[in-house]
């Protein structure tokens, strides 16, 4: 990978995570990701499962937009995302980013608080030679978010 390819992949990653996903720009998301790209989602999927309301943990990204991201976005609106640490190597971009959202609807079983919430995530994205994302992995700070929306940790 040359510097130009790495810069292109970083720009695409930022466009997806800072622009398309927070604004629910479905067309832009689909233009940045290959149609058969798999996604593995930890964190939010674990939180939803723990509260009895599942979202997919993995599968095809385009299908996951409808069954996972759409559901997450119904409870968390007015999202912002800011990239923090970004590293490109070969066909891979790794990024940490900070998210904020308005808890405006039921999220993981918790009714809307009307409060802004925030959390950090990390993602690993793989790219093809044309600069489209071919594989995605996400992990978020779900315990901190769960506490912000009203859940408390109870040790057995």
Protein backbone atom coordinates (compact mmCIF):
# COMPACT_ATOMS: atom_id res chain seq x y z
CA UNK A 1 0.00 0.00 0.00
CA UNK A 2 1.31 3.41 -0.86
CA UNK A 3 0.56 6.62 1.07
CA UNK A 4 -2.09 7.65 -1.46
CA UNK A 5 -4.01 4.38 -1.00
CA UNK A 6 -3.82 4.66 2.78
CA UNK A 7 -5.04 8.26 2.67
CA UNK A 8 -7.90 7.26 0.35
CA UNK A 9 -8.94 4.42 2.67
CA UNK A 10 -8.80 6.68 5.73
CA UNK A 11 -10.94 9.28 3.95
CA UNK A 12 -13.49 6.58 3.07
CA UNK A 13 -13.53 5.28 6.65
CA UNK A 14 -14.11 8.79 8.00
CA UNK A 15 -16.83 9.46 5.42
CA UNK A 16 -18.65 6.30 6.53
CA UNK A 17 -18.27 6.80 10.28
CA UNK A 18 -18.37 10.59 10.63
CA UNK A 19 -20.85 11.41 7.89
CA UNK A 20 -22.95 8.62 6.37
CA UNK A 21 -23.81 6.50 9.42
CA UNK A 22 -24.63 9.35 11.87
CA UNK A 23 -26.86 11.04 9.24
CA UNK A 24 -28.44 7.75 8.12
CA UNK A 25 -27.37 8.45 4.55
CA UNK A 26 -28.25 4.99 3.20
CA UNK A 27 -27.12 5.73 -0.36
CA UNK A 28 -23.72 7.01 0.75
CA UNK A 29 -23.23 4.00 3.04
CA UNK A 30 -24.03 1.63 0.18
CA UNK A 31 -21.63 3.48 -2.14
CA UNK A 32 -18.70 3.07 0.27
CA UNK A 33 -19.17 -0.62 1.11
CA UNK A 34 -19.22 -3.65 -1.18
CA UNK A 35 -22.65 -5.32 -1.37
CA UNK A 36 -21.39 -8.56 0.20
CA UNK A 37 -19.26 -7.00 2.98
CA UNK A 38 -19.64 -8.84 6.28
CA UNK A 39 -19.98 -6.95 9.57
CA UNK A 40 -19.19 -8.18 13.05
CA UNK A 41 -20.69 -6.02 15.76
CA UNK A 42 -19.86 -6.48 19.43
CA UNK A 43 -20.84 -4.16 22.23
CA UNK A 44 -24.29 -2.92 21.22
CA UNK A 45 -25.25 -6.44 20.17
CA UNK A 46 -24.21 -7.69 23.61
CA UNK A 47 -26.15 -4.90 25.35
CA UNK A 48 -29.27 -5.66 23.33
CA UNK A 49 -28.96 -9.39 24.06
CA UNK A 50 -28.48 -8.75 27.80
CA UNK A 51 -31.70 -6.71 27.88
CA UNK A 52 -33.67 -9.29 25.92
CA UNK A 53 -33.90 -7.47 22.60
CA UNK A 54 -31.47 -8.78 20.00
CA UNK A 55 -29.87 -7.07 17.05
CA UNK A 56 -27.62 -9.00 14.68
CA UNK A 57 -24.02 -9.50 15.78
CA UNK A 58 -22.79 -10.27 12.30
CA UNK A 59 -23.85 -10.77 8.73
CA UNK A 60 -23.98 -8.74 5.57
CA UNK A 61 -23.49 -5.00 6.21
CA UNK A 62 -26.23 -3.87 3.82
CA UNK A 63 -28.75 -6.21 5.47
CA UNK A 64 -27.48 -5.19 8.93
CA UNK A 65 -28.25 -1.53 8.11
CA UNK A 66 -31.94 -2.40 8.05
CA UNK A 67 -32.06 -4.84 10.97
CA UNK A 68 -29.39 -3.35 13.25
CA UNK A 69 -28.38 0.24 12.55
CA UNK A 70 -31.94 1.32 11.81
CA UNK A 71 -33.08 -0.11 15.16
CA UNK A 72 -30.19 1.52 17.03
CA UNK A 73 -30.95 4.84 15.36
CA UNK A 74 -34.60 4.79 16.45
CA UNK A 75 -33.47 5.10 20.07
CA UNK A 76 -30.38 7.24 19.53
CA UNK A 77 -30.95 10.20 17.22
CA UNK A 78 -29.00 13.36 16.38
CA UNK A 79 -25.76 11.39 16.29
CA UNK A 80 -22.28 12.83 15.89
CA UNK A 81 -19.06 10.91 15.37
CA UNK A 82 -15.49 12.13 15.57
CA UNK A 83 -12.46 10.09 14.55
CA UNK A 84 -9.70 10.13 17.13
CA UNK A 85 -6.91 7.69 16.34
CA UNK A 86 -6.57 6.42 12.78
CA UNK A 87 -3.98 4.01 11.42
CA UNK A 88 -3.76 2.53 7.92
CA UNK A 89 -1.65 -0.47 7.03
CA UNK A 90 -1.97 -2.52 3.87
CA UNK A 91 -5.67 -2.93 3.06
CA UNK A 92 -6.73 -2.18 6.67
CA UNK A 93 -7.80 0.93 8.55
CA UNK A 94 -8.13 0.86 12.33
CA UNK A 95 -9.87 3.77 14.00
CA UNK A 96 -11.10 4.87 17.39
CA UNK A 97 -13.95 7.33 17.35
CA UNK A 98 -16.19 9.18 19.81
CA UNK A 99 -19.96 9.10 19.36
CA UNK A 100 -22.67 11.29 20.88
CA UNK A 101 -26.41 10.96 20.44
CA UNK A 102 -29.72 12.04 21.87
CA UNK A 103 -31.46 9.21 23.75
CA UNK A 104 -34.77 10.04 22.08
CA UNK A 105 -36.48 6.64 21.93
CA UNK A 106 -36.36 3.18 23.44
CA UNK A 107 -32.81 1.85 23.23
CA UNK A 108 -31.91 -1.65 24.40
CA UNK A 109 -35.15 -1.74 26.37
CA UNK A 110 -34.53 1.59 28.14
CA UNK A 111 -37.15 4.30 27.54
CA UNK A 112 -35.98 7.67 26.24
CA UNK A 113 -34.29 9.94 28.78
CA UNK A 114 -34.08 12.96 26.47
CA UNK A 115 -30.42 13.25 27.49
CA UNK A 116 -27.31 13.28 25.33
CA UNK A 117 -25.19 10.17 25.71
CA UNK A 118 -21.66 9.43 24.55
CA UNK A 119 -19.36 6.48 24.07
CA UNK A 120 -16.18 5.42 22.32
CA UNK A 121 -15.82 2.75 19.65
CA UNK A 122 -13.08 1.04 17.74
CA UNK A 123 -13.40 -0.31 14.23
CA UNK A 124 -11.27 -2.34 11.86
CA UNK A 125 -12.12 -1.96 8.17
CA UNK A 126 -10.66 -3.80 5.19
CA UNK A 127 -10.63 -2.35 1.66
CA UNK A 128 -10.42 -3.70 -1.88
CA UNK A 129 -8.22 -2.24 -4.62
CA UNK A 130 -11.03 0.10 -5.70
CA UNK A 131 -11.20 1.67 -2.22
CA UNK A 132 -14.48 0.12 -1.10
CA UNK A 133 -14.89 -1.43 2.33
CA UNK A 134 -15.03 -5.23 2.12
CA UNK A 135 -15.06 -6.26 5.80
CA UNK A 136 -16.05 -4.46 9.02
CA UNK A 137 -15.57 -5.10 12.73
CA UNK A 138 -16.89 -2.82 15.50
CA UNK A 139 -16.61 -2.82 19.30
CA UNK A 140 -18.17 -0.15 21.51
CA UNK A 141 -18.07 0.88 25.14
CA UNK A 142 -21.51 -0.52 25.94
CA UNK A 143 -21.31 -0.60 29.73
CA UNK A 144 -20.73 3.16 29.95
CA UNK A 145 -23.63 3.79 27.58
CA UNK A 146 -25.89 1.40 29.51
CA UNK A 147 -25.24 3.35 32.70
CA UNK A 148 -26.02 6.65 30.95
CA UNK A 149 -29.45 5.39 29.86
CA UNK A 150 -30.38 4.15 33.32
CA UNK A 151 -29.07 0.61 33.75
CA UNK A 152 -27.07 -0.25 36.85
CA UNK A 153 -24.52 -3.00 37.20
CA UNK A 154 -25.50 -5.69 39.69
CA UNK A 155 -22.89 -8.26 40.57
CA UNK A 156 -24.20 -11.70 41.43
